[in-house]
Amino acid sequence: MSADGKGQIGHVGGIHLRLLAERTGLTGALSGALRRQGFHPLHDRGQVLVDLATAITLGATCIRDIRLLEHQRAVIGPVASFPTVWRALKEVDERALRRIERARAAVRRHVWKILADRPEGFPEVAVDGVALTGWTVIDTDGSLVLAPSEKDGAHGTYKGTYGHHVFVAVCDNTGEELAQLLHRGNTTANDTGVNIDLLTRAVTQLPWWRRQKILVRVDGAGFSRDLLRWIASAGGRRSPTFRWEYSTGWAFTDREQAAVEQADRRGLWQQATNADGEPREDAFVADLTGLLGDLSAWPAHHKVIARKEPLHPRHLKDASAYEVAKGMRYQTFATNTRHGQAQFLDARHRKHARIEPKIRDQKASGMRLLPSREMPVNTAWLTATAIACDLRAWLQLLALDGELAKATPKTLRYRILHVPARLVRGQRRRRLRLPASWPWADAIVRAFHRIQALPRPT
């Protein structure tokens, strides 16, 4: 083995991502957002942010990993150094963040128009095989990010650890990360102001034609009465064209236990269904709304639905005394959806769990370890991880097929992004030649040509 090879390019997927950012207008939009009068840096700040997001998508977990792109200099040209990237993040203040959000929203409108114009149309969320046509589904959740040293905003958490609390909003239709907020570690998950701020930023990212019908799914730790009122009022909008609904976890207290006992006596339980709409053995659901007494303080059409299934050993540690005595696991959730059977609403709410692997993937893609002692730099870093999530989602939606279009980031890196290529210089153009024996070589080439053919924003 020797280290004297020439003309080799690694991580060929980085070229796809960089080209995708250019064709969708993301690079230009970020450059405009970060442009400052009288400041003319050697490395355009929008390009630096795109390159950092590209490196994160390729597997970078710290700022120094921008060197992943250095060996692609022969194809993409000079890349900013680690100190330059650090300075670029430090320059991103609150005003610049707002400009970045507006730039991302403008690019998202263009990308979603491309998706809507495809033969298969815009991706709709399906429940029990039924598409929620026209509905934009937003999942929100919070996650703790540990701090191994003293950092601005780090604090003791409810789990007895030390760090920050990151709140994330994800679009289930496309897999994009619409918004993220970095808060102190002692910020509670059900802080109404934080959750409303998160959803406000997330909705701002949506094109106007996908804001009328929104379903917000929140887990039991994140909901509050004021938050549900805000959602039910479509964020204070009075137009009847706005129809926002929520599906949120609900506390299982003594009152719900008494309602369950009545449901048992009255035989109100119905067979629950799996994700494919088939009956799920030993799982049942029941509408408890009429058994819980006065719920007039909650939004109109508020209903509470319970699900029960045999208590699995893995849930025994967190089970209540009532659940242990019954040998059953009980879960309750609330929604203001007017119509729909309890089985359908239950299956729809259970899909909220899909945000957990997305947050896990984000933690593996730079969110787990914040790079700086300073809160603004860490906030800018999280913005780069969100842009990286969007690039990965757009790559899968616009350029990949089949199982690759649904692959996890780890699988995507192994099969597509990390593949090496040989650089061949011709008279007029340079070409990258992939190993012919690589099983996914054709998919990589096809994705590159599809990205090249994307319409530019007008």
Protein backbone atom coordinates (compact mmCIF):
# COMPACT_ATOMS: atom_id res chain seq x y z
CA MET A 1 0.00 0.00 0.00
CA SER A 2 1.26 3.47 -0.81
CA ALA A 3 -0.06 7.01 -0.51
CA ASP A 4 1.12 8.34 -3.86
CA GLY A 5 -2.09 8.03 -5.90
CA LYS A 6 -3.16 10.89 -8.13
CA GLY A 7 -6.39 11.97 -9.75
CA GLN A 8 -8.54 10.43 -7.00
CA ILE A 9 -11.61 12.17 -5.56
CA GLY A 10 -13.23 10.85 -2.38
CA HIS A 11 -16.72 11.46 -1.04
CA VAL A 12 -18.12 12.04 -4.51
CA GLY A 13 -21.55 12.72 -3.03
CA GLY A 14 -20.27 16.08 -1.83
CA ILE A 15 -20.24 17.22 -5.45
CA HIS A 16 -23.90 16.19 -5.76
CA LEU A 17 -24.82 18.19 -2.67
CA ARG A 18 -22.88 21.26 -3.74
CA LEU A 19 -24.46 21.16 -7.19
CA LEU A 20 -27.89 20.65 -5.62
CA ALA A 21 -27.42 23.76 -3.46
CA GLU A 22 -26.46 25.74 -6.55
CA ARG A 23 -29.29 24.50 -8.79
CA THR A 24 -32.00 25.09 -6.18
CA GLY A 25 -30.71 28.60 -5.53
CA LEU A 26 -29.69 27.87 -1.93
CA THR A 27 -26.10 29.05 -2.33
CA GLY A 28 -27.12 32.34 -3.93
CA ALA A 29 -29.88 32.95 -1.39
CA LEU A 30 -27.55 32.39 1.56
CA SER A 31 -24.91 34.59 -0.04
CA GLY A 32 -27.44 37.39 -0.29
CA ALA A 33 -28.59 36.83 3.30
CA LEU A 34 -25.06 37.01 4.70
CA ARG A 35 -23.79 39.84 2.51
CA ARG A 36 -22.65 42.91 4.45
CA GLN A 37 -22.00 46.35 3.05
CA GLY A 38 -18.31 47.13 2.80
CA PHE A 39 -17.26 43.56 3.67
CA HIS A 40 -15.72 41.56 0.84
CA PRO A 41 -14.32 38.28 2.21
CA LEU A 42 -12.12 35.95 0.20
CA HIS A 43 -14.64 33.15 0.78
CA ASP A 44 -18.29 34.02 0.15
CA ARG A 45 -20.16 33.44 3.42
CA GLY A 46 -23.13 31.77 1.72
CA GLN A 47 -20.78 29.29 0.03
CA VAL A 48 -19.00 28.68 3.34
CA LEU A 49 -22.32 27.80 5.01
CA VAL A 50 -23.27 25.49 2.13
CA ASP A 51 -19.85 23.81 2.28
CA LEU A 52 -20.20 23.30 6.03
CA ALA A 53 -23.68 21.79 5.54
CA THR A 54 -22.25 19.56 2.80
CA ALA A 55 -19.47 18.36 5.10
CA ILE A 56 -22.03 17.67 7.85
CA THR A 57 -24.11 15.61 5.42
CA LEU A 58 -20.96 13.67 4.55
CA GLY A 59 -20.42 12.89 8.23
CA ALA A 60 -18.65 15.90 9.74
CA THR A 61 -19.33 16.34 13.45
CA CYS A 62 -17.13 19.39 14.15
CA ILE A 63 -15.96 22.51 12.35
CA ARG A 64 -12.53 21.07 11.65
CA ASP A 65 -14.14 18.37 9.52
CA ILE A 66 -14.59 20.95 6.77
CA ARG A 67 -11.31 19.38 5.58
CA LEU A 68 -13.48 16.58 4.15
CA LEU A 69 -13.92 18.82 1.10
CA GLU A 70 -10.29 19.83 0.75
CA HIS A 71 -9.36 16.85 -1.44
CA GLN A 72 -12.12 17.89 -3.90
CA ARG A 73 -10.30 21.13 -4.71
CA ALA A 74 -9.61 19.95 -8.30
CA VAL A 75 -13.39 19.84 -8.92
CA ILE A 76 -14.99 22.46 -6.68
CA GLY A 77 -12.09 24.87 -6.18
CA PRO A 78 -10.72 26.30 -2.90
CA VAL A 79 -12.63 25.56 0.28
CA ALA A 80 -12.61 27.74 3.40
CA SER A 81 -10.24 26.74 6.16
CA PHE A 82 -11.26 25.83 9.70
CA PRO A 83 -10.52 29.36 11.08
CA THR A 84 -12.51 30.94 8.24
CA VAL A 85 -15.52 28.72 8.95
CA TRP A 86 -15.25 29.60 12.63
CA ARG A 87 -15.24 33.32 11.84
CA ALA A 88 -18.19 32.87 9.46
CA LEU A 89 -20.25 31.25 12.22
CA LYS A 90 -19.24 33.93 14.70
CA GLU A 91 -20.51 36.60 12.29
CA VAL A 92 -24.02 35.11 12.30
CA ASP A 93 -25.99 37.25 14.74
CA GLU A 94 -29.75 37.29 15.37
CA ARG A 95 -30.36 39.56 12.39
CA ALA A 96 -28.36 37.28 10.10
CA LEU A 97 -30.28 34.26 11.40
CA ARG A 98 -33.55 35.92 10.42
CA ARG A 99 -32.18 36.56 6.95
CA ILE A 100 -31.05 32.94 6.67
CA GLU A 101 -34.55 31.78 7.65
CA ARG A 102 -36.09 33.96 4.93
CA ALA A 103 -33.57 32.66 2.39
CA ARG A 104 -34.32 29.04 3.31
CA ALA A 105 -38.07 29.70 3.02
CA ALA A 106 -37.65 31.21 -0.46
CA VAL A 107 -35.60 28.23 -1.66
CA ARG A 108 -38.08 25.81 -0.08
CA ARG A 109 -40.91 27.40 -2.07
CA HIS A 110 -38.97 26.68 -5.26
CA VAL A 111 -38.14 23.10 -4.25
CA TRP A 112 -41.73 22.37 -3.21
CA LYS A 113 -42.99 23.70 -6.53
CA ILE A 114 -40.67 21.26 -8.30
CA LEU A 115 -42.02 18.46 -6.10
CA ALA A 116 -45.62 19.46 -6.79
CA ASP A 117 -44.98 19.52 -10.56
CA ARG A 118 -43.71 15.92 -10.62
CA PRO A 119 -46.01 13.23 -12.09
CA GLU A 120 -46.42 11.72 -8.62
CA GLY A 121 -47.11 15.15 -7.13
CA PHE A 122 -46.13 16.55 -3.76
CA PRO A 123 -45.39 13.86 -1.11
CA GLU A 124 -48.44 13.39 1.08
CA VAL A 125 -48.42 11.65 4.46
CA ALA A 126 -50.40 8.37 4.39
CA VAL A 127 -52.17 6.74 7.34
CA ASP A 128 -53.66 3.26 6.99
CA GLY A 129 -53.06 3.55 3.27
CA VAL A 130 -55.08 6.78 3.07
CA ALA A 131 -53.21 9.91 1.93
CA LEU A 132 -53.79 13.07 3.96
CA THR A 133 -54.08 15.07 0.75
CA GLY A 134 -53.35 18.76 1.16
CA TRP A 135 -52.24 18.44 4.78
CA THR A 136 -48.80 19.54 5.91
CA VAL A 137 -47.76 17.48 8.94
CA ILE A 138 -45.33 19.07 11.41
CA ASP A 139 -43.80 17.00 14.22
CA THR A 140 -42.10 18.74 17.13
CA ASP A 141 -39.95 17.40 19.92
CA GLY A 142 -37.21 18.42 22.30
CA SER A 143 -33.88 16.73 22.96
CA LEU A 144 -31.13 17.28 25.47
CA VAL A 145 -27.61 17.96 24.20
CA LEU A 146 -24.98 17.30 26.85
CA ALA A 147 -22.17 19.77 27.46
CA PRO A 148 -18.84 18.19 28.47
CA SER A 149 -17.51 21.60 29.57
CA GLU A 150 -18.72 25.04 30.62
CA LYS A 151 -20.71 26.54 27.76
CA ASP A 152 -22.94 29.58 27.52
CA GLY A 153 -26.50 28.50 28.28
CA ALA A 154 -25.58 25.07 29.64
CA HIS A 155 -27.56 24.16 32.75
CA GLY A 156 -28.72 21.22 34.78
CA THR A 157 -31.53 19.30 33.08
CA TYR A 158 -34.56 17.41 34.35
CA LYS A 159 -32.64 14.17 33.76
CA GLY A 160 -29.88 15.21 36.13
CA THR A 161 -27.45 15.89 33.30
CA TYR A 162 -25.79 19.13 32.22
CA GLY A 163 -26.24 20.79 28.84
CA HIS A 164 -28.73 22.45 26.51
CA HIS A 165 -32.29 21.78 25.37
CA VAL A 166 -32.79 21.75 21.60
CA PHE A 167 -36.32 21.99 20.17
CA VAL A 168 -36.88 20.72 16.63
CA ALA A 169 -39.77 20.93 14.11
CA VAL A 170 -39.73 18.49 11.19
CA CYS A 171 -42.00 18.28 8.14
CA ASP A 172 -43.18 14.66 7.92
CA ASN A 173 -44.15 15.09 4.26
CA THR A 174 -40.57 15.72 3.12
CA GLY A 175 -38.27 14.96 6.04
CA GLU A 176 -36.92 18.54 6.13
CA GLU A 177 -36.02 20.25 9.38
CA LEU A 178 -38.13 23.39 9.33
CA ALA A 179 -36.92 25.01 12.53
CA GLN A 180 -34.71 24.45 15.55
CA LEU A 181 -34.18 26.40 18.76
CA LEU A 182 -31.30 26.20 21.22
CA HIS A 183 -32.24 26.90 24.86
CA ARG A 184 -30.81 26.49 28.31
CA GLY A 185 -30.81 22.99 29.72
CA ASN A 186 -33.42 23.83 32.36
CA THR A 187 -36.00 24.98 29.79
CA THR A 188 -39.03 22.74 30.19
CA ALA A 189 -40.41 20.76 27.27
CA ASN A 190 -43.91 22.20 27.76
CA ASP A 191 -42.83 25.86 27.80
CA THR A 192 -45.68 27.45 25.84
CA GLY A 193 -43.64 30.41 24.58
CA VAL A 194 -40.84 28.20 23.28
CA ASN A 195 -43.20 25.82 21.50
CA ILE A 196 -45.19 28.63 19.89
CA ASP A 197 -41.96 30.30 18.78
CA LEU A 198 -40.77 27.00 17.28
CA LEU A 199 -44.02 26.43 15.38
CA THR A 200 -44.17 30.05 14.21
CA ARG A 201 -40.72 29.69 12.67
CA ALA A 202 -41.66 26.31 11.18
CA VAL A 203 -44.85 27.63 9.55
CA THR A 204 -42.93 30.60 8.15
CA GLN A 205 -40.82 28.10 6.23
CA LEU A 206 -43.88 26.74 4.41
CA PRO A 207 -45.09 28.09 1.05
CA TRP A 208 -48.42 29.87 1.40
CA TRP A 209 -50.29 27.09 -0.42
CA ARG A 210 -49.26 24.56 2.27
CA ARG A 211 -50.21 26.69 5.30
CA GLN A 212 -53.99 26.34 5.13
CA LYS A 213 -54.24 22.75 6.40
CA ILE A 214 -51.64 21.86 9.02
CA LEU A 215 -51.53 18.96 11.46
CA VAL A 216 -49.19 19.49 14.42
CA ARG A 217 -48.14 16.41 16.37
CA VAL A 218 -46.62 16.89 19.83
CA ASP A 219 -45.69 14.32 22.47
CA GLY A 220 -47.14 14.29 25.96
CA ALA A 221 -44.22 16.21 27.47
CA GLY A 222 -44.57 19.14 25.08
CA PHE A 223 -48.23 20.08 25.10
CA SER A 224 -49.98 22.75 27.14
CA ARG A 225 -53.48 24.20 27.07
CA ASP A 226 -52.31 27.53 25.68
CA LEU A 227 -50.31 25.80 22.94
CA LEU A 228 -53.34 23.78 21.84
CA ARG A 229 -55.47 26.90 21.79
CA TRP A 230 -52.87 28.62 19.64
CA ILE A 231 -52.82 25.71 17.19
CA ALA A 232 -56.61 25.45 17.07
CA SER A 233 -56.80 29.18 16.26
CA ALA A 234 -54.32 28.70 13.37
CA GLY A 235 -51.84 30.92 15.16
CA GLY A 236 -54.41 33.68 15.64
CA ARG A 237 -55.54 33.72 12.00
CA ARG A 238 -59.22 34.51 11.53
CA SER A 239 -59.65 33.39 7.94
CA PRO A 240 -61.83 30.24 7.65
CA THR A 241 -59.47 28.90 4.98
CA PHE A 242 -56.96 28.09 7.72
CA ARG A 243 -57.69 24.77 9.37
CA TRP A 244 -55.04 23.69 11.85
CA GLU A 245 -55.36 20.55 13.95
CA TYR A 246 -53.32 19.02 16.73
CA SER A 247 -52.60 15.48 17.86
CA THR A 248 -50.84 15.50 21.20
CA GLY A 249 -49.98 13.15 24.02
CA TRP A 250 -52.27 13.33 27.03
CA ALA A 251 -51.61 12.58 30.71
CA PHE A 252 -52.94 9.29 32.07
CA THR A 253 -54.14 10.32 35.53
CA ASP A 254 -56.73 8.97 37.98
CA ARG A 255 -59.47 10.57 35.90
CA GLU A 256 -58.37 8.69 32.79
CA GLN A 257 -58.09 5.47 34.81
CA ALA A 258 -61.70 5.87 35.93
CA ALA A 259 -62.73 6.47 32.30
CA VAL A 260 -60.89 3.32 31.23
CA GLU A 261 -62.75 1.33 33.87
CA GLN A 262 -66.05 2.58 32.44
CA ALA A 263 -64.91 1.76 28.91
CA ASP A 264 -64.15 -1.78 30.10
CA ARG A 265 -67.61 -2.19 31.63
CA ARG A 266 -69.39 -0.74 28.59
CA GLY A 267 -67.35 -2.68 26.03
CA LEU A 268 -66.22 0.46 24.19
CA TRP A 269 -62.85 -0.88 23.04
CA GLN A 270 -62.25 -1.42 19.33
CA GLN A 271 -59.46 -3.30 17.59
CA ALA A 272 -56.43 -1.09 16.89
CA THR A 273 -54.65 -1.20 13.54
CA ASN A 274 -51.05 -1.43 12.36
CA ALA A 275 -49.40 1.13 10.10
CA ASP A 276 -50.68 -0.76 7.05
CA GLY A 277 -54.28 -0.63 8.27
CA GLU A 278 -54.45 -4.28 9.30
CA PRO A 279 -55.84 -5.17 12.75
CA ARG A 280 -53.20 -5.32 15.49
CA GLU A 281 -53.53 -8.33 17.76
CA ASP A 282 -54.23 -7.58 21.44
CA ALA A 283 -54.27 -3.80 20.89
CA PHE A 284 -57.44 -1.75 21.36
CA VAL A 285 -58.56 1.88 21.27
CA ALA A 286 -61.50 3.75 22.78
CA ASP A 287 -62.82 7.31 22.71
CA LEU A 288 -62.88 8.52 26.33
CA THR A 289 -64.13 12.06 25.66
CA GLY A 290 -67.63 11.53 27.03
CA LEU A 291 -66.29 9.77 30.13
CA LEU A 292 -63.90 12.49 31.32
CA GLY A 293 -66.39 15.08 32.47
CA ASP A 294 -66.15 18.78 31.60
CA LEU A 295 -63.59 19.54 28.85
CA SER A 296 -65.03 22.93 27.88
CA ALA A 297 -61.79 24.72 28.85
CA TRP A 298 -60.07 23.04 25.93
CA PRO A 299 -60.47 24.02 22.25
CA ALA A 300 -63.62 23.15 20.31
CA HIS A 301 -63.97 19.53 19.17
CA HIS A 302 -61.32 18.44 21.68
CA LYS A 303 -61.43 14.68 22.20
CA VAL A 304 -59.32 12.18 24.14
CA ILE A 305 -58.59 8.68 22.87
CA ALA A 306 -56.95 5.81 24.77
CA ARG A 307 -54.99 2.83 23.53
CA LYS A 308 -54.25 -0.33 25.49
CA GLU A 309 -52.05 -3.32 24.75
CA PRO A 310 -50.24 -5.99 26.80
CA LEU A 311 -47.47 -4.55 28.98
CA HIS A 312 -44.16 -5.48 27.38
CA PRO A 313 -41.15 -6.09 29.68
CA ARG A 314 -39.25 -3.20 28.08
CA HIS A 315 -41.95 -0.78 29.32
CA LEU A 316 -42.17 -2.30 32.80
CA LYS A 317 -39.65 0.13 34.33
CA ASP A 318 -41.76 3.17 33.42
CA ALA A 319 -45.15 1.57 34.03
CA SER A 320 -47.51 2.92 36.69
CA ALA A 321 -48.85 0.78 39.52
CA TYR A 322 -52.21 0.69 37.74
CA GLU A 323 -50.62 -0.63 34.53
CA VAL A 324 -48.63 -3.25 36.41
CA ALA A 325 -51.76 -4.43 38.23
CA LYS A 326 -53.71 -4.65 34.95
CA GLY A 327 -50.81 -6.10 32.97
CA MET A 328 -51.63 -3.58 30.24
CA ARG A 329 -49.95 -0.48 28.86
CA TYR A 330 -52.22 2.55 28.46
CA GLN A 331 -51.50 5.55 26.23
CA THR A 332 -53.79 8.54 25.74
CA PHE A 333 -53.69 11.36 23.22
CA ALA A 334 -55.89 14.33 22.37
CA THR A 335 -56.94 15.86 19.06
CA ASN A 336 -59.36 18.45 17.73
CA THR A 337 -59.97 16.58 14.47
CA ARG A 338 -63.73 16.59 13.98
CA HIS A 339 -64.15 13.39 12.01
CA GLY A 340 -62.42 10.04 11.83
CA GLN A 341 -62.62 6.73 13.64
CA ALA A 342 -60.57 6.21 16.79
CA GLN A 343 -58.41 3.57 15.06
CA PHE A 344 -57.46 5.98 12.28
CA LEU A 345 -56.70 8.85 14.66
CA ASP A 346 -54.62 6.52 16.82
CA ALA A 347 -52.57 5.30 13.84
CA ARG A 348 -52.10 8.91 12.72
CA HIS A 349 -50.82 9.99 16.12
CA ARG A 350 -48.46 7.03 16.47
CA LYS A 351 -46.58 8.20 13.39
CA HIS A 352 -45.29 11.07 15.52
CA ALA A 353 -42.67 8.57 16.70
CA ARG A 354 -40.93 9.02 13.34
CA ILE A 355 -39.39 12.24 14.62
CA GLU A 356 -37.28 10.29 17.12
CA PRO A 357 -35.00 8.61 14.53
CA LYS A 358 -34.77 11.96 12.72
CA ILE A 359 -33.45 13.63 15.88
CA ARG A 360 -31.13 10.67 16.46
CA ASP A 361 -29.78 11.10 12.93
CA GLN A 362 -29.34 14.83 13.52
CA LYS A 363 -27.39 14.15 16.70
CA ALA A 364 -25.15 11.83 14.71
CA SER A 365 -24.77 14.61 12.13
CA GLY A 366 -23.33 17.37 14.28
CA MET A 367 -26.05 18.20 16.79
CA ARG A 368 -24.71 15.98 19.57
CA LEU A 369 -21.64 18.11 20.37
CA LEU A 370 -21.88 21.90 20.15
CA PRO A 371 -18.53 23.31 19.01
CA SER A 372 -18.22 26.55 20.97
CA ARG A 373 -18.49 28.06 24.42
CA GLU A 374 -20.57 30.87 22.91
CA MET A 375 -24.32 30.48 22.40
CA PRO A 376 -24.50 32.45 19.09
CA VAL A 377 -21.83 30.26 17.45
CA ASN A 378 -23.64 27.11 18.58
CA THR A 379 -26.92 28.48 17.25
CA ALA A 380 -25.27 29.13 13.88
CA TRP A 381 -23.83 25.60 13.93
CA LEU A 382 -27.31 24.17 14.51
CA THR A 383 -28.54 26.20 11.56
CA ALA A 384 -25.87 24.53 9.42
CA THR A 385 -27.05 21.09 10.61
CA ALA A 386 -30.63 22.03 9.64
CA ILE A 387 -29.46 23.08 6.16
CA ALA A 388 -27.60 19.76 5.92
CA CYS A 389 -30.85 17.94 6.76
CA ASP A 390 -32.62 19.84 3.97
CA LEU A 391 -29.91 19.02 1.43
CA ARG A 392 -30.12 15.35 2.31
CA ALA A 393 -33.92 15.40 2.04
CA TRP A 394 -33.83 17.20 -1.34
CA LEU A 395 -31.23 14.77 -2.66
CA GLN A 396 -33.51 11.85 -1.82
CA LEU A 397 -36.70 13.52 -3.06
CA LEU A 398 -35.36 14.96 -6.30
CA ALA A 399 -32.56 12.65 -7.39
CA LEU A 400 -32.87 9.18 -5.86
CA ASP A 401 -35.31 6.30 -6.32
CA GLY A 402 -36.56 3.24 -4.48
CA GLU A 403 -34.91 2.28 -1.22
CA LEU A 404 -32.25 4.97 -1.61
CA ALA A 405 -34.96 7.62 -1.48
CA LYS A 406 -35.89 6.36 2.01
CA ALA A 407 -32.44 5.32 3.25
CA THR A 408 -31.07 6.47 6.59
CA PRO A 409 -28.17 8.97 6.56
CA LYS A 410 -25.74 6.22 7.51
CA THR A 411 -26.86 4.01 4.59
CA LEU A 412 -26.84 6.99 2.25
CA ARG A 413 -23.26 7.83 3.17
CA TYR A 414 -22.10 4.25 2.67
CA ARG A 415 -23.82 3.68 -0.66
CA ILE A 416 -23.81 7.11 -2.31
CA LEU A 417 -21.96 9.93 -0.57
CA HIS A 418 -18.63 8.33 0.38
CA VAL A 419 -17.87 6.60 -2.92
CA PRO A 420 -14.50 7.54 -4.49
CA ALA A 421 -14.04 8.45 -8.14
CA ARG A 422 -11.19 9.02 -10.54
CA LEU A 423 -10.79 12.46 -12.08
CA VAL A 424 -10.14 12.34 -15.84
CA ARG A 425 -9.21 15.57 -17.60
CA GLY A 426 -10.37 15.88 -21.22
CA GLN A 427 -9.89 18.65 -23.74
CA ARG A 428 -13.11 20.48 -22.89
CA ARG A 429 -14.34 19.02 -19.64
CA ARG A 430 -13.38 16.99 -16.63
CA ARG A 431 -15.07 13.70 -15.87
CA LEU A 432 -15.42 11.63 -12.74
CA ARG A 433 -15.30 7.88 -13.26
CA LEU A 434 -16.86 5.70 -10.60
CA PRO A 435 -15.84 2.09 -9.97
CA ALA A 436 -17.90 0.01 -12.40
CA SER A 437 -18.25 -2.75 -9.82
CA TRP A 438 -19.93 -0.50 -7.23
CA PRO A 439 -23.56 -1.75 -6.88
CA TRP A 440 -25.01 1.77 -6.75
CA ALA A 441 -22.82 3.41 -9.41
CA ASP A 442 -25.72 3.81 -11.86
CA ALA A 443 -27.85 5.45 -9.16
CA ILE A 444 -25.05 7.94 -8.41
CA VAL A 445 -24.67 8.88 -12.07
CA ARG A 446 -28.43 9.13 -12.55
CA ALA A 447 -28.73 11.38 -9.48
CA PHE A 448 -26.04 13.71 -10.81
CA HIS A 449 -27.82 14.16 -14.15
CA ARG A 450 -31.18 14.71 -12.44
CA ILE A 451 -29.68 17.47 -10.31
CA GLN A 452 -28.15 19.06 -13.40
CA ALA A 453 -31.59 19.09 -15.05
CA LEU A 454 -33.37 20.84 -12.16
CA PRO A 455 -34.92 24.19 -13.10
CA ARG A 456 -33.27 27.20 -11.53
CA PRO A 457 -35.36 29.65 -9.51
CA THR A 458 -36.66 32.61 -11.49
